[in-house]
N, C-alpha and C. Protein backbone atom coordinates (compact mmCIF):
# COMPACT_ATOMS: atom_id res chain seq x y z
N MET A 1 0.33 41.16 -32.92
CA MET A 1 0.83 41.02 -31.58
C MET A 1 -0.22 40.37 -30.68
N LYS A 2 -1.50 40.78 -30.88
CA LYS A 2 -2.59 40.24 -30.08
C LYS A 2 -2.73 38.74 -30.31
N LYS A 3 -2.53 38.29 -31.59
CA LYS A 3 -2.62 36.86 -31.92
C LYS A 3 -1.52 36.09 -31.20
N LYS A 4 -0.30 36.64 -31.17
CA LYS A 4 0.82 35.99 -30.51
C LYS A 4 0.56 35.87 -29.02
N LEU A 5 0.03 36.93 -28.41
CA LEU A 5 -0.27 36.93 -26.98
C LEU A 5 -1.35 35.90 -26.67
N THR A 6 -2.39 35.82 -27.48
CA THR A 6 -3.46 34.85 -27.28
C THR A 6 -2.94 33.43 -27.46
N LEU A 7 -2.18 33.21 -28.52
CA LEU A 7 -1.59 31.90 -28.77
C LEU A 7 -0.66 31.50 -27.63
N GLY A 8 0.16 32.44 -27.17
CA GLY A 8 1.06 32.19 -26.04
C GLY A 8 0.29 31.82 -24.79
N SER A 9 -0.80 32.51 -24.53
CA SER A 9 -1.63 32.24 -23.35
C SER A 9 -2.25 30.85 -23.44
N ILE A 10 -2.73 30.49 -24.61
CA ILE A 10 -3.33 29.16 -24.81
C ILE A 10 -2.29 28.08 -24.60
N LEU A 11 -1.11 28.25 -25.21
CA LEU A 11 -0.04 27.26 -25.04
C LEU A 11 0.38 27.14 -23.58
N PHE A 12 0.49 28.26 -22.88
CA PHE A 12 0.84 28.23 -21.46
C PHE A 12 -0.22 27.49 -20.67
N PHE A 13 -1.49 27.72 -20.95
CA PHE A 13 -2.60 27.05 -20.26
C PHE A 13 -2.54 25.54 -20.50
N ILE A 14 -2.31 25.13 -21.74
CA ILE A 14 -2.21 23.70 -22.07
C ILE A 14 -1.01 23.08 -21.35
N TYR A 15 0.12 23.78 -21.37
CA TYR A 15 1.32 23.29 -20.68
C TYR A 15 1.05 23.13 -19.18
N THR A 16 0.38 24.10 -18.59
CA THR A 16 0.06 24.04 -17.16
C THR A 16 -0.84 22.85 -16.86
N LEU A 17 -1.82 22.60 -17.69
CA LEU A 17 -2.70 21.44 -17.50
C LEU A 17 -1.93 20.13 -17.65
N ALA A 18 -1.01 20.11 -18.59
CA ALA A 18 -0.26 18.88 -18.86
C ALA A 18 0.64 18.50 -17.69
N ILE A 19 1.21 19.48 -17.01
CA ILE A 19 2.13 19.16 -15.92
C ILE A 19 1.44 19.15 -14.55
N ALA A 20 0.21 19.57 -14.49
CA ALA A 20 -0.51 19.59 -13.21
C ALA A 20 -0.68 18.16 -12.71
N GLN A 21 -0.46 17.99 -11.42
CA GLN A 21 -0.60 16.67 -10.82
C GLN A 21 -1.57 16.74 -9.66
N THR A 22 -2.19 15.64 -9.40
CA THR A 22 -3.06 15.54 -8.25
C THR A 22 -2.23 15.01 -7.09
N ALA A 23 -2.35 15.64 -5.96
CA ALA A 23 -1.59 15.19 -4.79
C ALA A 23 -2.07 13.80 -4.37
N VAL A 24 -1.12 12.96 -4.03
CA VAL A 24 -1.44 11.61 -3.56
C VAL A 24 -1.00 11.50 -2.10
N PRO A 25 -1.60 10.57 -1.38
CA PRO A 25 -1.22 10.43 0.02
C PRO A 25 0.23 9.98 0.14
N PRO A 26 0.86 10.26 1.27
CA PRO A 26 2.25 9.84 1.46
C PRO A 26 2.35 8.32 1.63
N ALA A 27 3.56 7.82 1.57
CA ALA A 27 3.82 6.39 1.75
C ALA A 27 3.45 5.97 3.17
N LEU A 28 3.17 4.69 3.31
CA LEU A 28 2.88 4.13 4.63
C LEU A 28 4.20 3.97 5.37
N TYR A 29 4.27 4.48 6.58
CA TYR A 29 5.49 4.40 7.37
C TYR A 29 5.12 3.81 8.72
N ILE A 30 5.73 2.70 9.06
CA ILE A 30 5.50 2.04 10.34
C ILE A 30 6.81 2.05 11.10
N LYS A 31 6.79 2.57 12.31
CA LYS A 31 8.01 2.65 13.12
C LYS A 31 8.42 1.26 13.60
N ALA A 32 9.72 1.04 13.65
CA ALA A 32 10.28 -0.23 14.11
C ALA A 32 9.76 -0.59 15.49
N ASP A 33 9.63 0.39 16.38
CA ASP A 33 9.13 0.12 17.73
C ASP A 33 7.72 -0.45 17.70
N ASP A 34 6.89 0.06 16.79
CA ASP A 34 5.51 -0.43 16.69
C ASP A 34 5.48 -1.88 16.19
N ILE A 35 6.34 -2.19 15.22
CA ILE A 35 6.41 -3.57 14.71
C ILE A 35 6.91 -4.50 15.80
N ASN A 36 7.96 -4.08 16.51
CA ASN A 36 8.51 -4.91 17.58
C ASN A 36 7.52 -5.09 18.73
N ASP A 37 6.76 -4.04 19.06
CA ASP A 37 5.73 -4.17 20.11
C ASP A 37 4.69 -5.21 19.71
N ALA A 38 4.26 -5.17 18.45
CA ALA A 38 3.29 -6.16 17.96
C ALA A 38 3.89 -7.56 17.98
N LEU A 39 5.16 -7.67 17.64
CA LEU A 39 5.86 -8.95 17.65
C LEU A 39 5.93 -9.51 19.07
N GLN A 40 6.28 -8.66 20.02
CA GLN A 40 6.38 -9.10 21.42
C GLN A 40 5.01 -9.52 21.96
N LYS A 41 3.97 -8.77 21.63
CA LYS A 41 2.62 -9.12 22.09
C LYS A 41 2.20 -10.46 21.49
N SER A 42 2.46 -10.64 20.22
CA SER A 42 2.10 -11.88 19.53
C SER A 42 2.84 -13.08 20.12
N ALA A 43 4.08 -12.87 20.55
CA ALA A 43 4.89 -13.96 21.11
C ALA A 43 4.25 -14.52 22.38
N THR A 44 3.47 -13.71 23.08
CA THR A 44 2.79 -14.20 24.29
C THR A 44 1.50 -14.95 23.95
N GLU A 45 1.03 -14.80 22.73
CA GLU A 45 -0.24 -15.41 22.32
C GLU A 45 -0.06 -16.72 21.54
N ARG A 46 1.12 -16.92 20.94
CA ARG A 46 1.38 -18.10 20.12
C ARG A 46 2.64 -18.79 20.60
N GLU A 47 2.65 -20.07 20.48
CA GLU A 47 3.85 -20.82 20.81
C GLU A 47 4.74 -20.94 19.58
N ASN A 48 6.01 -20.62 19.73
CA ASN A 48 7.04 -20.83 18.71
C ASN A 48 6.98 -19.90 17.50
N MET A 49 6.03 -18.96 17.46
CA MET A 49 5.94 -18.06 16.33
C MET A 49 5.30 -16.75 16.77
N ALA A 50 5.87 -15.65 16.32
CA ALA A 50 5.29 -14.33 16.60
C ALA A 50 5.12 -13.58 15.29
N VAL A 51 4.09 -12.75 15.24
CA VAL A 51 3.79 -11.98 14.04
C VAL A 51 3.72 -10.50 14.40
N GLY A 52 4.54 -9.70 13.74
CA GLY A 52 4.47 -8.25 13.87
C GLY A 52 3.84 -7.71 12.60
N THR A 53 2.59 -7.30 12.70
CA THR A 53 1.89 -6.81 11.52
C THR A 53 2.43 -5.45 11.11
N ILE A 54 2.77 -5.35 9.85
CA ILE A 54 3.22 -4.08 9.30
C ILE A 54 2.04 -3.39 8.62
N SER A 55 1.37 -4.10 7.72
CA SER A 55 0.18 -3.57 7.06
C SER A 55 -0.56 -4.71 6.39
N ASN A 56 -1.86 -4.72 6.55
CA ASN A 56 -2.71 -5.71 5.88
C ASN A 56 -3.81 -4.96 5.14
N GLY A 57 -3.86 -5.15 3.84
CA GLY A 57 -4.87 -4.51 3.02
C GLY A 57 -5.74 -5.54 2.33
N ASP A 58 -6.58 -5.10 1.44
CA ASP A 58 -7.45 -6.02 0.70
C ASP A 58 -6.67 -6.94 -0.23
N ASP A 59 -5.56 -6.46 -0.78
CA ASP A 59 -4.81 -7.21 -1.77
C ASP A 59 -3.43 -7.67 -1.30
N TYR A 60 -3.09 -7.40 -0.04
CA TYR A 60 -1.77 -7.77 0.43
C TYR A 60 -1.75 -7.89 1.95
N ARG A 61 -0.72 -8.56 2.44
CA ARG A 61 -0.42 -8.66 3.87
C ARG A 61 1.09 -8.53 4.00
N ILE A 62 1.52 -7.68 4.91
CA ILE A 62 2.96 -7.53 5.17
C ILE A 62 3.17 -7.71 6.66
N ASN A 63 3.97 -8.71 7.01
CA ASN A 63 4.22 -9.02 8.42
C ASN A 63 5.70 -9.31 8.63
N LEU A 64 6.14 -9.12 9.87
CA LEU A 64 7.45 -9.58 10.29
C LEU A 64 7.18 -10.83 11.12
N ILE A 65 7.77 -11.95 10.72
CA ILE A 65 7.55 -13.24 11.38
C ILE A 65 8.81 -13.64 12.13
N ARG A 66 8.63 -14.11 13.35
CA ARG A 66 9.74 -14.67 14.14
C ARG A 66 9.36 -16.09 14.53
N ARG A 67 10.17 -17.04 14.09
CA ARG A 67 9.96 -18.45 14.44
C ARG A 67 11.10 -18.91 15.33
N THR A 68 10.75 -19.72 16.33
CA THR A 68 11.77 -20.25 17.23
C THR A 68 11.86 -21.77 17.14
N SER A 69 10.98 -22.39 16.37
CA SER A 69 11.05 -23.84 16.17
C SER A 69 10.35 -24.21 14.87
N ALA A 70 10.50 -25.47 14.51
CA ALA A 70 9.87 -25.99 13.30
C ALA A 70 8.35 -25.85 13.41
N ALA A 71 7.69 -25.93 12.26
CA ALA A 71 6.23 -25.79 12.22
C ALA A 71 5.64 -26.77 11.22
N GLY A 72 4.34 -26.96 11.31
CA GLY A 72 3.64 -27.84 10.38
C GLY A 72 3.52 -27.23 9.00
N ALA A 73 3.21 -28.07 8.05
CA ALA A 73 3.05 -27.64 6.65
C ALA A 73 1.79 -26.80 6.50
N ILE A 74 1.87 -25.78 5.65
CA ILE A 74 0.70 -24.96 5.33
C ILE A 74 0.65 -24.72 3.83
N VAL A 75 -0.55 -24.38 3.36
CA VAL A 75 -0.77 -24.04 1.96
C VAL A 75 -1.73 -22.86 1.93
N HIS A 76 -1.38 -21.82 1.19
CA HIS A 76 -2.28 -20.68 0.99
C HIS A 76 -2.88 -20.85 -0.40
N GLU A 77 -4.16 -21.19 -0.43
CA GLU A 77 -4.82 -21.44 -1.72
C GLU A 77 -4.92 -20.19 -2.57
N GLU A 78 -4.95 -19.03 -1.91
CA GLU A 78 -5.01 -17.77 -2.67
C GLU A 78 -3.83 -16.91 -2.29
N GLY A 79 -3.15 -16.43 -3.27
CA GLY A 79 -2.08 -15.46 -3.05
C GLY A 79 -0.69 -16.05 -2.98
N MET A 80 0.21 -15.37 -3.63
CA MET A 80 1.62 -15.69 -3.62
C MET A 80 2.22 -15.12 -2.34
N GLU A 81 3.32 -15.70 -1.89
CA GLU A 81 3.95 -15.25 -0.64
C GLU A 81 5.45 -15.13 -0.84
N LEU A 82 6.02 -14.06 -0.29
CA LEU A 82 7.45 -13.84 -0.34
C LEU A 82 8.00 -13.86 1.08
N HIS A 83 9.07 -14.64 1.31
CA HIS A 83 9.78 -14.62 2.59
C HIS A 83 11.16 -14.02 2.30
N PHE A 84 11.50 -12.94 3.00
CA PHE A 84 12.82 -12.34 2.89
C PHE A 84 13.47 -12.47 4.27
N ILE A 85 14.50 -13.28 4.36
CA ILE A 85 15.12 -13.60 5.64
C ILE A 85 15.97 -12.42 6.11
N ILE A 86 15.68 -11.93 7.31
CA ILE A 86 16.43 -10.78 7.83
C ILE A 86 17.29 -11.12 9.04
N GLU A 87 17.05 -12.29 9.65
CA GLU A 87 17.86 -12.70 10.79
C GLU A 87 17.75 -14.21 10.98
N GLY A 88 18.86 -14.84 11.31
CA GLY A 88 18.86 -16.27 11.61
C GLY A 88 18.89 -17.14 10.38
N ALA A 89 18.57 -18.41 10.60
CA ALA A 89 18.58 -19.39 9.51
C ALA A 89 17.67 -20.56 9.87
N GLY A 90 17.33 -21.33 8.85
CA GLY A 90 16.49 -22.51 9.05
C GLY A 90 16.38 -23.28 7.75
N THR A 91 15.63 -24.36 7.81
CA THR A 91 15.39 -25.18 6.63
C THR A 91 13.93 -25.07 6.25
N LEU A 92 13.70 -24.64 5.02
CA LEU A 92 12.35 -24.45 4.48
C LEU A 92 12.12 -25.49 3.39
N VAL A 93 11.02 -26.21 3.50
CA VAL A 93 10.62 -27.17 2.47
C VAL A 93 9.47 -26.54 1.69
N THR A 94 9.55 -26.61 0.36
CA THR A 94 8.46 -26.11 -0.49
C THR A 94 8.12 -27.16 -1.54
N GLY A 95 6.89 -27.08 -2.04
CA GLY A 95 6.44 -28.01 -3.06
C GLY A 95 5.99 -29.32 -2.44
N GLY A 96 5.83 -30.32 -3.27
CA GLY A 96 5.41 -31.63 -2.80
C GLY A 96 3.93 -31.68 -2.43
N ILE A 97 3.62 -32.58 -1.50
CA ILE A 97 2.23 -32.73 -1.04
C ILE A 97 2.20 -32.71 0.48
N VAL A 98 1.10 -32.22 1.02
CA VAL A 98 0.92 -32.18 2.47
C VAL A 98 0.37 -33.51 2.93
N VAL A 99 1.02 -34.08 3.94
CA VAL A 99 0.58 -35.35 4.52
C VAL A 99 0.13 -35.06 5.95
N ARG A 100 -1.13 -35.37 6.20
CA ARG A 100 -1.70 -35.14 7.54
C ARG A 100 -1.82 -36.48 8.26
N PRO A 101 -1.21 -36.59 9.45
CA PRO A 101 -1.29 -37.86 10.17
C PRO A 101 -2.72 -38.16 10.65
N ALA A 102 -3.04 -39.43 10.73
CA ALA A 102 -4.37 -39.86 11.14
C ALA A 102 -4.71 -39.41 12.56
N ASP A 103 -3.67 -39.29 13.40
CA ASP A 103 -3.93 -38.90 14.80
C ASP A 103 -4.13 -37.40 14.97
N GLY A 104 -4.11 -36.63 13.88
CA GLY A 104 -4.36 -35.20 13.95
C GLY A 104 -3.13 -34.39 14.33
N GLY A 105 -1.95 -34.99 14.33
CA GLY A 105 -0.71 -34.27 14.65
C GLY A 105 -0.32 -33.30 13.56
N ARG A 106 0.89 -32.82 13.66
CA ARG A 106 1.39 -31.81 12.73
C ARG A 106 1.52 -32.37 11.32
N ALA A 107 1.02 -31.61 10.34
CA ALA A 107 1.13 -31.98 8.93
C ALA A 107 2.56 -31.75 8.46
N ASN A 108 3.04 -32.57 7.55
CA ASN A 108 4.38 -32.45 6.97
C ASN A 108 4.29 -32.53 5.45
N ILE A 109 5.39 -32.22 4.81
CA ILE A 109 5.45 -32.25 3.35
C ILE A 109 6.23 -33.49 2.91
N ALA A 110 5.67 -34.18 1.94
CA ALA A 110 6.35 -35.30 1.29
C ALA A 110 6.69 -34.85 -0.13
N GLN A 111 7.86 -35.27 -0.62
CA GLN A 111 8.31 -35.01 -1.98
C GLN A 111 8.57 -33.54 -2.29
N GLY A 112 8.82 -32.75 -1.24
CA GLY A 112 9.15 -31.34 -1.44
C GLY A 112 10.66 -31.13 -1.54
N LEU A 113 11.07 -29.92 -1.74
CA LEU A 113 12.48 -29.57 -1.83
C LEU A 113 12.87 -28.80 -0.58
N ALA A 114 13.84 -29.32 0.18
CA ALA A 114 14.33 -28.66 1.39
C ALA A 114 15.55 -27.81 1.06
N ARG A 115 15.54 -26.58 1.56
CA ARG A 115 16.68 -25.68 1.36
C ARG A 115 16.95 -24.93 2.64
N ARG A 116 18.23 -24.77 2.94
CA ARG A 116 18.61 -23.94 4.08
C ARG A 116 18.51 -22.49 3.62
N VAL A 117 17.83 -21.66 4.42
CA VAL A 117 17.69 -20.24 4.13
C VAL A 117 18.37 -19.45 5.24
N THR A 118 18.97 -18.33 4.85
CA THR A 118 19.68 -17.51 5.81
C THR A 118 19.56 -16.04 5.41
N VAL A 119 20.13 -15.16 6.21
CA VAL A 119 20.01 -13.72 6.03
C VAL A 119 20.29 -13.31 4.58
N GLY A 120 19.35 -12.54 4.04
CA GLY A 120 19.47 -12.04 2.67
C GLY A 120 18.80 -12.90 1.62
N ASP A 121 18.44 -14.15 1.99
CA ASP A 121 17.75 -15.02 1.03
C ASP A 121 16.30 -14.57 0.86
N ALA A 122 15.79 -14.77 -0.34
CA ALA A 122 14.38 -14.49 -0.64
C ALA A 122 13.77 -15.74 -1.26
N VAL A 123 12.56 -16.07 -0.83
CA VAL A 123 11.86 -17.23 -1.36
C VAL A 123 10.47 -16.77 -1.79
N LEU A 124 10.15 -16.98 -3.06
CA LEU A 124 8.83 -16.65 -3.58
C LEU A 124 8.03 -17.94 -3.66
N ILE A 125 6.95 -18.01 -2.90
CA ILE A 125 6.14 -19.23 -2.80
C ILE A 125 4.84 -19.00 -3.57
N PRO A 126 4.68 -19.68 -4.70
CA PRO A 126 3.46 -19.48 -5.50
C PRO A 126 2.20 -19.93 -4.76
N GLU A 127 1.11 -19.36 -5.16
CA GLU A 127 -0.21 -19.72 -4.65
C GLU A 127 -0.40 -21.24 -4.71
N GLY A 128 -0.92 -21.82 -3.62
CA GLY A 128 -1.22 -23.25 -3.59
C GLY A 128 -0.02 -24.16 -3.36
N THR A 129 1.15 -23.57 -3.08
CA THR A 129 2.36 -24.37 -2.87
C THR A 129 2.56 -24.68 -1.39
N PRO A 130 2.66 -25.96 -1.02
CA PRO A 130 2.94 -26.30 0.37
C PRO A 130 4.30 -25.73 0.80
N HIS A 131 4.38 -25.30 2.05
CA HIS A 131 5.65 -24.83 2.59
C HIS A 131 5.68 -25.08 4.10
N GLN A 132 6.92 -25.28 4.59
CA GLN A 132 7.08 -25.68 5.99
C GLN A 132 8.52 -25.45 6.43
N TYR A 133 8.68 -24.78 7.56
CA TYR A 133 10.01 -24.68 8.18
C TYR A 133 10.18 -25.94 9.03
N ILE A 134 11.08 -26.83 8.58
CA ILE A 134 11.27 -28.09 9.29
C ILE A 134 12.38 -27.99 10.34
N ALA A 135 13.18 -26.93 10.27
CA ALA A 135 14.23 -26.70 11.25
C ALA A 135 14.49 -25.21 11.37
N VAL A 136 14.73 -24.77 12.60
CA VAL A 136 15.08 -23.38 12.87
C VAL A 136 16.35 -23.39 13.71
N GLU A 137 17.34 -22.65 13.26
CA GLU A 137 18.61 -22.57 13.97
C GLU A 137 18.55 -21.41 14.95
N GLY A 138 18.05 -21.67 16.13
CA GLY A 138 17.85 -20.63 17.14
C GLY A 138 16.55 -19.89 16.88
N THR A 139 16.66 -18.81 16.13
CA THR A 139 15.50 -18.01 15.74
C THR A 139 15.67 -17.60 14.29
N ILE A 140 14.56 -17.55 13.58
CA ILE A 140 14.60 -17.02 12.21
C ILE A 140 13.54 -15.94 12.10
N ASN A 141 13.94 -14.79 11.58
CA ASN A 141 13.02 -13.67 11.35
C ASN A 141 12.97 -13.41 9.85
N TYR A 142 11.75 -13.22 9.36
CA TYR A 142 11.63 -12.90 7.94
C TYR A 142 10.47 -11.97 7.69
N LEU A 143 10.64 -11.17 6.66
CA LEU A 143 9.58 -10.31 6.19
C LEU A 143 8.70 -11.17 5.31
N GLU A 144 7.42 -11.23 5.63
CA GLU A 144 6.46 -12.01 4.85
C GLU A 144 5.55 -11.04 4.12
N VAL A 145 5.50 -11.19 2.80
CA VAL A 145 4.61 -10.36 1.98
C VAL A 145 3.72 -11.31 1.20
N ARG A 146 2.43 -11.20 1.42
CA ARG A 146 1.45 -12.00 0.65
C ARG A 146 0.68 -11.06 -0.25
N PHE A 147 0.53 -11.47 -1.49
CA PHE A 147 -0.22 -10.65 -2.44
C PHE A 147 -0.94 -11.50 -3.44
């Protein structure tokens, strides 16, 4: 009987260790009001584009972007980027090459693919890929995730 009790205690101890978990911090939660406040503040600092920062870490950036007009071409040499359209529509060009005018004006994309994007669309832009919103239909809002 003593052997069974000892064996049972050992098995219970091993089982307890196997299911024991270390507590982890809770998920990051950002209130909509805080994102919108950041978006409104940013709109006063930039022309035609506002950024509501959700969270920026060492390996990622998550922002809510609001564009009210077309913009110049950009390329992020490091990190992939996801645009998830949550409001409005526009035309996004990706790929091709960036052409910078001699007079220092807005850069544009040559030989890229233009697509109309609207609510619910997702665009994954690989690292080093030129991209540019060449048209905005009123306002376009999208969740931007860079990683």
